Amino acid sequence: MNTLFDNDCRYMSDSELIYEISNNRQIVSDVERSNGEIDIDRLFASLTPGRKKVAVAAVEMYKRQQSQQVERRQILSSKDVYELMQPLIGDLRNEEFWVVAINNASRIIKKVQVSVGGIDQTSADVRLIMQVLINTGASQFAAVHNHPSGNSRPSNDDKRLTEQLKKAAGIFNIRVMDHVIITNDGYYSFCDEGMI
């Protein structure tokens, strides 16, 4: 079996990668017997505490690196917001609400996590969001949250919050660029749907 140090990991088979992660030939055999289907939860459960820490750290570094690549660009569309935030919140099991503060040149000033919720909802405090935007000097912003269910359609609460954000931001002459709902494999944009 090749090792990670012998080859670029892009050219390793799934079995070879699983072995590098788990150092467990039984897990590799199980995956091969199941026609290559990988049970990530089982793979993770089979890891030693040390390997779990390394795996989690590697995934987190990858997510941050993916997000930072987008962070250097201008944020001009819902797709830009999605590409920025999907690596951070797209695959979470609980809802999180973030605000991306943006300047006049459409560059990111700061990304701020506003709230963490349960499996199917999180609450965002409009006053706290306005405080973040005022403190960062943002001229515009994107509100972003995830739907762990995989359904990107907005709930009535999502629609109500978007209206509240538009009203509050208008008082401070801050533009609501978008409110984007992110899932693991897609997104919903209030702006693209004509709701902002």
N, C-alpha and C. Protein backbone atom coordinates (compact mmCIF):
# COMPACT_ATOMS: atom_id res chain seq x y z
N MET A 1 0.85 -1.18 0.00
CA MET A 1 0.00 0.00 0.00
C MET A 1 0.89 1.24 0.00
N ASN A 2 0.56 2.21 -0.85
CA ASN A 2 1.31 3.47 -0.87
C ASN A 2 1.05 4.25 0.41
N THR A 3 1.94 5.16 0.72
CA THR A 3 1.71 6.02 1.87
C THR A 3 1.59 7.45 1.40
N LEU A 4 1.08 8.27 2.25
CA LEU A 4 0.86 9.68 1.96
C LEU A 4 2.16 10.35 1.56
N PHE A 5 3.27 9.89 2.11
CA PHE A 5 4.55 10.53 1.82
C PHE A 5 5.14 10.06 0.50
N ASP A 6 4.70 8.89 0.00
CA ASP A 6 5.21 8.37 -1.26
C ASP A 6 4.57 9.06 -2.46
N ASN A 7 3.33 9.45 -2.33
CA ASN A 7 2.57 9.99 -3.46
C ASN A 7 1.78 11.22 -3.05
N ASP A 8 1.44 12.01 -4.04
CA ASP A 8 0.49 13.09 -3.83
C ASP A 8 -0.84 12.43 -3.48
N CYS A 9 -1.49 12.85 -2.41
CA CYS A 9 -2.72 12.18 -1.95
C CYS A 9 -3.85 12.25 -2.97
N ARG A 10 -3.77 13.17 -3.93
CA ARG A 10 -4.81 13.23 -4.95
C ARG A 10 -4.85 11.97 -5.79
N TYR A 11 -3.73 11.25 -5.85
CA TYR A 11 -3.65 10.06 -6.69
C TYR A 11 -3.81 8.77 -5.89
N MET A 12 -4.07 8.89 -4.61
CA MET A 12 -4.28 7.70 -3.78
C MET A 12 -5.73 7.24 -3.91
N SER A 13 -5.94 5.94 -3.79
CA SER A 13 -7.30 5.40 -3.82
C SER A 13 -8.01 5.76 -2.51
N ASP A 14 -9.34 5.60 -2.51
CA ASP A 14 -10.09 5.83 -1.27
C ASP A 14 -9.58 4.92 -0.16
N SER A 15 -9.31 3.67 -0.52
CA SER A 15 -8.81 2.72 0.48
C SER A 15 -7.49 3.18 1.08
N GLU A 16 -6.60 3.67 0.24
CA GLU A 16 -5.31 4.16 0.73
C GLU A 16 -5.48 5.37 1.64
N LEU A 17 -6.38 6.27 1.26
CA LEU A 17 -6.62 7.44 2.11
C LEU A 17 -7.24 7.03 3.45
N ILE A 18 -8.18 6.10 3.41
CA ILE A 18 -8.80 5.64 4.65
C ILE A 18 -7.76 5.01 5.56
N TYR A 19 -6.86 4.24 4.97
CA TYR A 19 -5.81 3.64 5.79
C TYR A 19 -4.91 4.71 6.41
N GLU A 20 -4.58 5.75 5.64
CA GLU A 20 -3.74 6.83 6.17
C GLU A 20 -4.43 7.53 7.33
N ILE A 21 -5.74 7.69 7.22
CA ILE A 21 -6.48 8.36 8.29
C ILE A 21 -6.62 7.46 9.51
N SER A 22 -6.99 6.20 9.29
CA SER A 22 -7.36 5.31 10.40
C SER A 22 -6.24 4.40 10.89
N ASN A 23 -5.29 4.08 10.00
CA ASN A 23 -4.25 3.10 10.31
C ASN A 23 -4.90 1.78 10.74
N ASN A 24 -6.04 1.45 10.09
CA ASN A 24 -6.84 0.30 10.48
C ASN A 24 -7.25 -0.46 9.22
N ARG A 25 -6.61 -1.60 8.98
CA ARG A 25 -6.89 -2.38 7.77
C ARG A 25 -8.31 -2.96 7.78
N GLN A 26 -8.88 -3.18 8.96
CA GLN A 26 -10.24 -3.72 9.05
C GLN A 26 -11.25 -2.71 8.47
N ILE A 27 -11.08 -1.44 8.79
CA ILE A 27 -11.96 -0.40 8.23
C ILE A 27 -11.83 -0.37 6.71
N VAL A 28 -10.60 -0.47 6.21
CA VAL A 28 -10.36 -0.48 4.76
C VAL A 28 -11.07 -1.67 4.13
N SER A 29 -10.96 -2.84 4.74
CA SER A 29 -11.63 -4.05 4.22
C SER A 29 -13.14 -3.87 4.20
N ASP A 30 -13.68 -3.30 5.26
CA ASP A 30 -15.13 -3.06 5.32
C ASP A 30 -15.59 -2.14 4.20
N VAL A 31 -14.83 -1.09 3.93
CA VAL A 31 -15.18 -0.15 2.86
C VAL A 31 -15.12 -0.85 1.51
N GLU A 32 -14.08 -1.63 1.30
CA GLU A 32 -13.94 -2.34 0.02
C GLU A 32 -15.07 -3.33 -0.19
N ARG A 33 -15.52 -4.00 0.88
CA ARG A 33 -16.63 -4.96 0.78
C ARG A 33 -17.96 -4.26 0.52
N SER A 34 -18.08 -3.00 0.91
CA SER A 34 -19.35 -2.27 0.74
C SER A 34 -19.35 -1.43 -0.54
N ASN A 35 -18.61 -1.89 -1.53
CA ASN A 35 -18.54 -1.21 -2.84
C ASN A 35 -18.07 0.23 -2.73
N GLY A 36 -17.17 0.49 -1.81
CA GLY A 36 -16.57 1.82 -1.71
C GLY A 36 -17.37 2.83 -0.94
N GLU A 37 -18.53 2.42 -0.38
CA GLU A 37 -19.31 3.37 0.41
C GLU A 37 -18.63 3.60 1.75
N ILE A 38 -18.41 4.86 2.07
CA ILE A 38 -17.68 5.21 3.28
C ILE A 38 -18.65 5.74 4.32
N ASP A 39 -18.69 5.10 5.46
CA ASP A 39 -19.49 5.58 6.59
C ASP A 39 -18.56 6.47 7.43
N ILE A 40 -18.63 7.77 7.18
CA ILE A 40 -17.72 8.71 7.83
C ILE A 40 -17.85 8.64 9.35
N ASP A 41 -19.08 8.51 9.85
CA ASP A 41 -19.28 8.43 11.30
C ASP A 41 -18.57 7.20 11.88
N ARG A 42 -18.67 6.07 11.19
CA ARG A 42 -18.01 4.85 11.67
C ARG A 42 -16.50 5.01 11.57
N LEU A 43 -16.03 5.58 10.47
CA LEU A 43 -14.60 5.81 10.32
C LEU A 43 -14.09 6.68 11.46
N PHE A 44 -14.79 7.76 11.74
CA PHE A 44 -14.37 8.67 12.80
C PHE A 44 -14.40 7.97 14.16
N ALA A 45 -15.44 7.16 14.40
CA ALA A 45 -15.55 6.45 15.68
C ALA A 45 -14.41 5.46 15.87
N SER A 46 -13.85 4.97 14.77
CA SER A 46 -12.77 3.98 14.87
C SER A 46 -11.41 4.60 15.17
N LEU A 47 -11.32 5.91 15.08
CA LEU A 47 -10.03 6.56 15.28
C LEU A 47 -9.66 6.65 16.75
N THR A 48 -8.36 6.62 17.00
CA THR A 48 -7.88 6.86 18.36
C THR A 48 -8.09 8.34 18.67
N PRO A 49 -8.10 8.71 19.94
CA PRO A 49 -8.28 10.13 20.28
C PRO A 49 -7.26 11.04 19.58
N GLY A 50 -6.03 10.59 19.48
CA GLY A 50 -5.01 11.40 18.82
C GLY A 50 -5.29 11.58 17.34
N ARG A 51 -5.69 10.50 16.66
CA ARG A 51 -6.01 10.60 15.24
C ARG A 51 -7.27 11.43 15.01
N LYS A 52 -8.24 11.35 15.94
CA LYS A 52 -9.44 12.19 15.82
C LYS A 52 -9.07 13.66 15.84
N LYS A 53 -8.19 14.03 16.78
CA LYS A 53 -7.76 15.43 16.87
C LYS A 53 -7.09 15.88 15.58
N VAL A 54 -6.23 15.04 15.04
CA VAL A 54 -5.52 15.39 13.80
C VAL A 54 -6.52 15.51 12.64
N ALA A 55 -7.47 14.56 12.54
CA ALA A 55 -8.45 14.60 11.46
C ALA A 55 -9.32 15.85 11.55
N VAL A 56 -9.80 16.16 12.75
CA VAL A 56 -10.64 17.35 12.93
C VAL A 56 -9.85 18.61 12.61
N ALA A 57 -8.60 18.66 13.06
CA ALA A 57 -7.76 19.84 12.79
C ALA A 57 -7.50 19.99 11.30
N ALA A 58 -7.26 18.88 10.60
CA ALA A 58 -7.01 18.94 9.16
C ALA A 58 -8.24 19.43 8.40
N VAL A 59 -9.41 18.93 8.78
CA VAL A 59 -10.65 19.37 8.13
C VAL A 59 -10.89 20.85 8.40
N GLU A 60 -10.68 21.28 9.63
CA GLU A 60 -10.88 22.69 9.98
C GLU A 60 -9.92 23.59 9.20
N MET A 61 -8.66 23.17 9.08
CA MET A 61 -7.69 23.96 8.31
C MET A 61 -8.12 24.05 6.85
N TYR A 62 -8.61 22.95 6.30
CA TYR A 62 -9.08 22.96 4.92
C TYR A 62 -10.25 23.93 4.75
N LYS A 63 -11.22 23.88 5.67
CA LYS A 63 -12.36 24.79 5.59
C LYS A 63 -11.92 26.25 5.64
N ARG A 64 -11.02 26.54 6.56
CA ARG A 64 -10.54 27.92 6.70
C ARG A 64 -9.80 28.38 5.45
N GLN A 65 -8.98 27.50 4.91
CA GLN A 65 -8.21 27.84 3.71
C GLN A 65 -9.15 28.11 2.54
N GLN A 66 -10.19 27.28 2.40
CA GLN A 66 -11.16 27.48 1.32
C GLN A 66 -11.88 28.82 1.48
N SER A 67 -12.27 29.14 2.70
CA SER A 67 -12.96 30.39 2.96
C SER A 67 -12.03 31.59 2.75
N GLN A 68 -10.77 31.47 3.17
CA GLN A 68 -9.83 32.58 3.04
C GLN A 68 -9.50 32.89 1.59
N GLN A 69 -9.52 31.88 0.72
CA GLN A 69 -9.29 32.14 -0.70
C GLN A 69 -10.35 33.09 -1.25
N VAL A 70 -11.59 32.88 -0.85
CA VAL A 70 -12.69 33.73 -1.31
C VAL A 70 -12.61 35.09 -0.64
N GLU A 71 -12.16 35.12 0.61
CA GLU A 71 -12.14 36.35 1.41
C GLU A 71 -11.33 37.45 0.74
N ARG A 72 -10.37 37.11 -0.07
CA ARG A 72 -9.51 38.10 -0.72
C ARG A 72 -10.20 38.78 -1.91
N ARG A 73 -11.29 38.17 -2.39
CA ARG A 73 -12.01 38.73 -3.53
C ARG A 73 -13.07 39.72 -3.08
N GLN A 74 -13.62 40.41 -4.07
CA GLN A 74 -14.78 41.24 -3.79
C GLN A 74 -16.00 40.34 -3.64
N ILE A 75 -16.94 40.78 -2.83
CA ILE A 75 -18.20 40.07 -2.67
C ILE A 75 -19.24 40.84 -3.48
N LEU A 76 -19.59 40.27 -4.63
CA LEU A 76 -20.48 40.96 -5.56
C LEU A 76 -21.80 40.23 -5.80
N SER A 77 -21.89 38.99 -5.35
CA SER A 77 -23.08 38.20 -5.66
C SER A 77 -23.35 37.18 -4.57
N SER A 78 -24.51 36.56 -4.67
CA SER A 78 -24.86 35.50 -3.72
C SER A 78 -23.89 34.33 -3.84
N LYS A 79 -23.42 34.07 -5.03
CA LYS A 79 -22.46 32.97 -5.23
C LYS A 79 -21.17 33.26 -4.47
N ASP A 80 -20.73 34.52 -4.46
CA ASP A 80 -19.53 34.88 -3.70
C ASP A 80 -19.74 34.63 -2.21
N VAL A 81 -20.92 34.99 -1.71
CA VAL A 81 -21.23 34.77 -0.29
C VAL A 81 -21.24 33.27 0.00
N TYR A 82 -21.87 32.51 -0.88
CA TYR A 82 -21.93 31.06 -0.70
C TYR A 82 -20.52 30.46 -0.68
N GLU A 83 -19.69 30.84 -1.62
CA GLU A 83 -18.34 30.28 -1.68
C GLU A 83 -17.50 30.67 -0.47
N LEU A 84 -17.78 31.83 0.10
CA LEU A 84 -17.08 32.28 1.30
C LEU A 84 -17.50 31.47 2.53
N MET A 85 -18.80 31.27 2.68
CA MET A 85 -19.32 30.71 3.93
C MET A 85 -19.61 29.21 3.91
N GLN A 86 -19.82 28.62 2.75
CA GLN A 86 -20.16 27.20 2.69
C GLN A 86 -19.11 26.32 3.36
N PRO A 87 -17.81 26.57 3.15
CA PRO A 87 -16.83 25.71 3.85
C PRO A 87 -16.91 25.82 5.37
N LEU A 88 -17.40 26.93 5.88
CA LEU A 88 -17.46 27.12 7.33
C LEU A 88 -18.73 26.55 7.96
N ILE A 89 -19.87 26.68 7.28
CA ILE A 89 -21.13 26.29 7.92
C ILE A 89 -21.98 25.32 7.12
N GLY A 90 -21.57 24.98 5.92
CA GLY A 90 -22.41 24.16 5.05
C GLY A 90 -22.69 22.76 5.54
N ASP A 91 -21.77 22.19 6.30
CA ASP A 91 -21.96 20.81 6.72
C ASP A 91 -22.16 20.65 8.23
N LEU A 92 -22.53 21.73 8.88
CA LEU A 92 -22.75 21.66 10.33
C LEU A 92 -24.07 20.95 10.65
N ARG A 93 -24.16 20.40 11.85
CA ARG A 93 -25.38 19.72 12.28
C ARG A 93 -26.30 20.63 13.07
N ASN A 94 -25.86 21.84 13.32
CA ASN A 94 -26.70 22.82 14.02
C ASN A 94 -26.69 24.11 13.21
N GLU A 95 -27.71 24.93 13.41
CA GLU A 95 -27.79 26.19 12.67
C GLU A 95 -26.87 27.23 13.31
N GLU A 96 -26.23 28.02 12.44
CA GLU A 96 -25.44 29.16 12.87
C GLU A 96 -25.84 30.36 12.01
N PHE A 97 -25.82 31.53 12.62
CA PHE A 97 -26.13 32.77 11.90
C PHE A 97 -24.89 33.65 11.92
N TRP A 98 -24.48 34.12 10.74
CA TRP A 98 -23.29 34.95 10.58
C TRP A 98 -23.65 36.23 9.85
N VAL A 99 -22.82 37.24 10.06
CA VAL A 99 -22.92 38.49 9.31
C VAL A 99 -21.56 38.73 8.65
N VAL A 100 -21.60 39.06 7.37
CA VAL A 100 -20.38 39.43 6.66
C VAL A 100 -20.45 40.93 6.43
N ALA A 101 -19.60 41.66 7.16
CA ALA A 101 -19.54 43.13 7.02
C ALA A 101 -18.69 43.45 5.80
N ILE A 102 -19.19 44.33 4.95
CA ILE A 102 -18.56 44.63 3.66
C ILE A 102 -18.42 46.14 3.50
N ASN A 103 -17.31 46.59 2.90
CA ASN A 103 -17.09 48.02 2.73
C ASN A 103 -17.62 48.51 1.38
N ASN A 104 -17.39 49.81 1.08
CA ASN A 104 -17.87 50.40 -0.17
C ASN A 104 -17.26 49.78 -1.41
N ALA A 105 -16.05 49.23 -1.27
CA ALA A 105 -15.37 48.60 -2.41
C ALA A 105 -15.76 47.13 -2.54
N SER A 106 -16.77 46.71 -1.80
CA SER A 106 -17.27 45.33 -1.81
C SER A 106 -16.25 44.32 -1.29
N ARG A 107 -15.36 44.78 -0.42
CA ARG A 107 -14.37 43.90 0.22
C ARG A 107 -14.85 43.55 1.63
N ILE A 108 -14.49 42.37 2.06
CA ILE A 108 -14.89 41.91 3.39
C ILE A 108 -14.11 42.66 4.46
N ILE A 109 -14.84 43.21 5.41
CA ILE A 109 -14.22 43.82 6.58
C ILE A 109 -14.04 42.75 7.65
N LYS A 110 -15.13 42.00 7.88
CA LYS A 110 -15.09 41.01 8.95
C LYS A 110 -16.27 40.05 8.80
N LYS A 111 -16.05 38.79 9.19
CA LYS A 111 -17.12 37.80 9.31
C LYS A 111 -17.35 37.59 10.80
N VAL A 112 -18.62 37.66 11.21
CA VAL A 112 -18.92 37.54 12.64
C VAL A 112 -20.04 36.51 12.84
N GLN A 113 -19.79 35.55 13.72
CA GLN A 113 -20.83 34.60 14.11
C GLN A 113 -21.73 35.30 15.13
N VAL A 114 -23.00 35.39 14.81
CA VAL A 114 -23.95 36.10 15.66
C VAL A 114 -24.66 35.15 16.62
N SER A 115 -24.98 33.95 16.15
CA SER A 115 -25.66 33.01 17.04
C SER A 115 -25.45 31.57 16.59
N VAL A 116 -25.62 30.68 17.56
CA VAL A 116 -25.57 29.23 17.32
C VAL A 116 -26.87 28.67 17.88
N GLY A 117 -27.53 27.86 17.09
CA GLY A 117 -28.81 27.32 17.53
C GLY A 117 -28.83 25.82 17.56
N GLY A 118 -30.02 25.28 17.41
CA GLY A 118 -30.22 23.84 17.42
C GLY A 118 -30.21 23.29 16.01
N ILE A 119 -30.84 22.15 15.85
CA ILE A 119 -30.85 21.45 14.57
C ILE A 119 -31.65 22.21 13.52
N ASP A 120 -32.73 22.86 13.93
CA ASP A 120 -33.60 23.47 12.92
C ASP A 120 -33.91 24.94 13.14
N GLN A 121 -33.19 25.60 14.04
CA GLN A 121 -33.40 27.04 14.16
C GLN A 121 -32.29 27.68 14.98
N THR A 122 -32.10 28.95 14.72
CA THR A 122 -31.24 29.79 15.52
C THR A 122 -31.88 31.17 15.56
N SER A 123 -31.64 31.90 16.61
CA SER A 123 -32.22 33.24 16.68
C SER A 123 -31.10 34.26 16.55
N ALA A 124 -31.36 35.29 15.80
CA ALA A 124 -30.38 36.35 15.60
C ALA A 124 -30.96 37.65 16.14
N ASP A 125 -30.18 38.35 16.94
CA ASP A 125 -30.59 39.61 17.54
C ASP A 125 -30.26 40.74 16.58
N VAL A 126 -31.27 41.40 16.06
CA VAL A 126 -31.08 42.47 15.09
C VAL A 126 -30.22 43.59 15.67
N ARG A 127 -30.41 43.90 16.95
CA ARG A 127 -29.60 44.97 17.58
C ARG A 127 -28.13 44.60 17.60
N LEU A 128 -27.83 43.35 17.91
CA LEU A 128 -26.44 42.89 17.92
C LEU A 128 -25.84 42.97 16.52
N ILE A 129 -26.61 42.59 15.53
CA ILE A 129 -26.13 42.66 14.14
C ILE A 129 -25.83 44.11 13.76
N MET A 130 -26.72 45.03 14.11
CA MET A 130 -26.48 46.44 13.80
C MET A 130 -25.24 46.95 14.53
N GLN A 131 -25.05 46.52 15.77
CA GLN A 131 -23.87 46.93 16.53
C GLN A 131 -22.59 46.47 15.84
N VAL A 132 -22.58 45.22 15.37
CA VAL A 132 -21.41 44.70 14.65
C VAL A 132 -21.13 45.55 13.41
N LEU A 133 -22.17 45.85 12.66
CA LEU A 133 -22.01 46.60 11.41
C LEU A 133 -21.53 48.02 11.68
N ILE A 134 -22.08 48.66 12.68
CA ILE A 134 -21.65 50.03 13.02
C ILE A 134 -20.21 50.02 13.51
N ASN A 135 -19.87 49.07 14.38
CA ASN A 135 -18.51 49.01 14.93
C ASN A 135 -17.45 48.70 13.88
N THR A 136 -17.82 47.98 12.83
CA THR A 136 -16.85 47.66 11.78
C THR A 136 -16.82 48.72 10.68
N GLY A 137 -17.76 49.64 10.70
CA GLY A 137 -17.81 50.67 9.66
C GLY A 137 -18.32 50.14 8.33
N ALA A 138 -19.10 49.08 8.37
CA ALA A 138 -19.62 48.48 7.14
C ALA A 138 -20.61 49.41 6.45
N SER A 139 -20.54 49.43 5.12
CA SER A 139 -21.53 50.17 4.35
C SER A 139 -22.59 49.23 3.79
N GLN A 140 -22.30 47.94 3.83
CA GLN A 140 -23.24 46.93 3.38
C GLN A 140 -22.91 45.61 4.07
N PHE A 141 -23.80 44.65 3.97
CA PHE A 141 -23.54 43.36 4.61
C PHE A 141 -24.37 42.26 3.98
N ALA A 142 -23.93 41.04 4.25
CA ALA A 142 -24.70 39.86 3.89
C ALA A 142 -25.00 39.10 5.18
N ALA A 143 -26.26 38.77 5.37
CA ALA A 143 -26.66 37.89 6.47
C ALA A 143 -26.57 36.47 5.92
N VAL A 144 -26.07 35.56 6.74
CA VAL A 144 -25.86 34.19 6.27
C VAL A 144 -26.21 33.22 7.39
N HIS A 145 -26.97 32.19 7.06
CA HIS A 145 -27.13 31.10 8.01
C HIS A 145 -27.31 29.80 7.26
N ASN A 146 -27.16 28.71 7.97
CA ASN A 146 -27.25 27.40 7.34
C ASN A 146 -28.53 26.68 7.75
N HIS A 147 -28.92 25.73 6.91
CA HIS A 147 -30.03 24.83 7.20
C HIS A 147 -29.47 23.41 7.17
N PRO A 148 -29.19 22.81 8.33
CA PRO A 148 -28.64 21.45 8.35
C PRO A 148 -29.55 20.41 7.70
N SER A 149 -30.83 20.71 7.59
CA SER A 149 -31.79 19.77 6.99
C SER A 149 -31.50 19.53 5.52
N GLY A 150 -30.78 20.44 4.88
CA GLY A 150 -30.53 20.32 3.45
C GLY A 150 -31.55 21.08 2.61
N ASN A 151 -32.63 21.56 3.23
CA ASN A 151 -33.65 22.33 2.53
C ASN A 151 -33.29 23.81 2.63
N SER A 152 -32.96 24.41 1.51
CA SER A 152 -32.49 25.81 1.53
C SER A 152 -33.63 26.83 1.52
N ARG A 153 -34.87 26.40 1.36
CA ARG A 153 -35.99 27.34 1.32
C ARG A 153 -36.12 28.07 2.65
N PRO A 154 -36.42 29.37 2.62
CA PRO A 154 -36.54 30.14 3.87
C PRO A 154 -37.83 29.81 4.62
N SER A 155 -37.72 29.82 5.93
CA SER A 155 -38.90 29.66 6.78
C SER A 155 -39.57 31.03 6.92
N ASN A 156 -40.74 31.05 7.52
CA ASN A 156 -41.40 32.34 7.78
C ASN A 156 -40.56 33.19 8.72
N ASP A 157 -39.89 32.55 9.69
CA ASP A 157 -39.00 33.29 10.60
C ASP A 157 -37.84 33.91 9.83
N ASP A 158 -37.30 33.18 8.84
CA ASP A 158 -36.21 33.71 8.02
C ASP A 158 -36.67 34.95 7.26
N LYS A 159 -37.88 34.89 6.72
CA LYS A 159 -38.43 36.02 5.97
C LYS A 159 -38.66 37.22 6.89
N ARG A 160 -39.20 36.95 8.07
CA ARG A 160 -39.46 38.01 9.03
C ARG A 160 -38.15 38.69 9.47
N LEU A 161 -37.13 37.89 9.74
CA LEU A 161 -35.84 38.44 10.15
C LEU A 161 -35.24 39.30 9.04
N THR A 162 -35.36 38.86 7.81
CA THR A 162 -34.83 39.63 6.68
C THR A 162 -35.50 41.00 6.61
N GLU A 163 -36.81 41.03 6.80
CA GLU A 163 -37.52 42.32 6.80
C GLU A 163 -37.05 43.21 7.95
N GLN A 164 -36.86 42.62 9.13
CA GLN A 164 -36.37 43.40 10.27
C GLN A 164 -34.98 43.96 10.00
N LEU A 165 -34.12 43.15 9.39
CA LEU A 165 -32.77 43.61 9.07
C LEU A 165 -32.80 44.76 8.06
N LYS A 166 -33.68 44.65 7.06
CA LYS A 166 -33.79 45.73 6.06
C LYS A 166 -34.21 47.04 6.72
N LYS A 167 -35.20 46.97 7.61
CA LYS A 167 -35.67 48.18 8.29
C LYS A 167 -34.60 48.78 9.18
N ALA A 168 -33.96 47.95 9.99
CA ALA A 168 -32.93 48.45 10.92
C ALA A 168 -31.73 48.99 10.17
N ALA A 169 -31.28 48.29 9.15
CA ALA A 169 -30.11 48.74 8.39
C ALA A 169 -30.41 50.05 7.66
N GLY A 170 -31.65 50.21 7.20
CA GLY A 170 -32.03 51.44 6.51
C GLY A 170 -31.88 52.67 7.38
N ILE A 171 -32.15 52.52 8.67
CA ILE A 171 -32.01 53.65 9.61
C ILE A 171 -30.57 54.14 9.64
N PHE A 172 -29.61 53.21 9.52
CA PHE A 172 -28.20 53.56 9.58
C PHE A 172 -27.56 53.71 8.21
N ASN A 173 -28.38 53.69 7.17
CA ASN A 173 -27.90 53.82 5.80
C ASN A 173 -26.89 52.73 5.45
N ILE A 174 -27.17 51.52 5.92
CA ILE A 174 -26.35 50.35 5.60
C ILE A 174 -27.16 49.46 4.68
N ARG A 175 -26.57 49.07 3.57
CA ARG A 175 -27.27 48.28 2.56
C ARG A 175 -27.25 46.79 2.91
N VAL A 176 -28.42 46.16 2.84
CA VAL A 176 -28.49 44.71 2.97
C VAL A 176 -28.20 44.14 1.59
N MET A 177 -27.01 43.62 1.41
CA MET A 177 -26.62 43.06 0.12
C MET A 177 -27.40 41.78 -0.18
N ASP A 178 -27.54 40.93 0.85
CA ASP A 178 -28.24 39.66 0.65
C ASP A 178 -28.44 38.98 2.00
N HIS A 179 -29.33 38.02 1.99
CA HIS A 179 -29.47 37.05 3.08
C HIS A 179 -29.41 35.70 2.39
N VAL A 180 -28.37 34.93 2.69
CA VAL A 180 -28.12 33.67 2.01
C VAL A 180 -28.28 32.52 2.99
N ILE A 181 -29.08 31.54 2.59
CA ILE A 181 -29.26 30.32 3.38
C ILE A 181 -28.45 29.22 2.70
N ILE A 182 -27.55 28.62 3.47
CA ILE A 182 -26.59 27.66 2.92
C ILE A 182 -26.91 26.25 3.40
N THR A 183 -26.81 25.30 2.47
CA THR A 183 -26.87 23.89 2.82
C THR A 183 -25.56 23.25 2.37
N ASN A 184 -25.45 21.95 2.57
CA ASN A 184 -24.22 21.27 2.21
C ASN A 184 -23.95 21.33 0.71
N ASP A 185 -25.00 21.41 -0.10
CA ASP A 185 -24.78 21.36 -1.54
C ASP A 185 -25.52 22.44 -2.34
N GLY A 186 -25.91 23.51 -1.68
CA GLY A 186 -26.59 24.57 -2.42
C GLY A 186 -26.92 25.75 -1.52
N TYR A 187 -27.69 26.69 -2.07
CA TYR A 187 -28.04 27.87 -1.28
C TYR A 187 -29.29 28.53 -1.83
N TYR A 188 -29.87 29.38 -1.00
CA TYR A 188 -31.00 30.22 -1.38
C TYR A 188 -30.59 31.66 -1.13
N SER A 189 -30.83 32.52 -2.10
CA SER A 189 -30.50 33.93 -1.98
C SER A 189 -31.77 34.77 -2.01
N PHE A 190 -31.99 35.54 -0.95
CA PHE A 190 -33.13 36.46 -0.92
C PHE A 190 -33.01 37.48 -2.04
N CYS A 191 -31.80 37.93 -2.32
CA CYS A 191 -31.58 38.92 -3.37
C CYS A 191 -31.92 38.33 -4.74
N ASP A 192 -31.39 37.14 -5.03
CA ASP A 192 -31.64 36.51 -6.32
C ASP A 192 -33.13 36.25 -6.54
N GLU A 193 -33.85 36.04 -5.45
CA GLU A 193 -35.29 35.76 -5.55
C GLU A 193 -36.13 37.04 -5.50
N GLY A 194 -35.48 38.21 -5.52
CA GLY A 194 -36.20 39.48 -5.54
C GLY A 194 -36.81 39.87 -4.21
N MET A 195 -36.32 39.31 -3.12
CA MET A 195 -36.88 39.59 -1.80
C MET A 195 -36.08 40.64 -1.04
N ILE A 196 -35.05 41.17 -1.66
CA ILE A 196 -34.27 42.27 -1.06
C ILE A 196 -34.15 43.35 -2.12
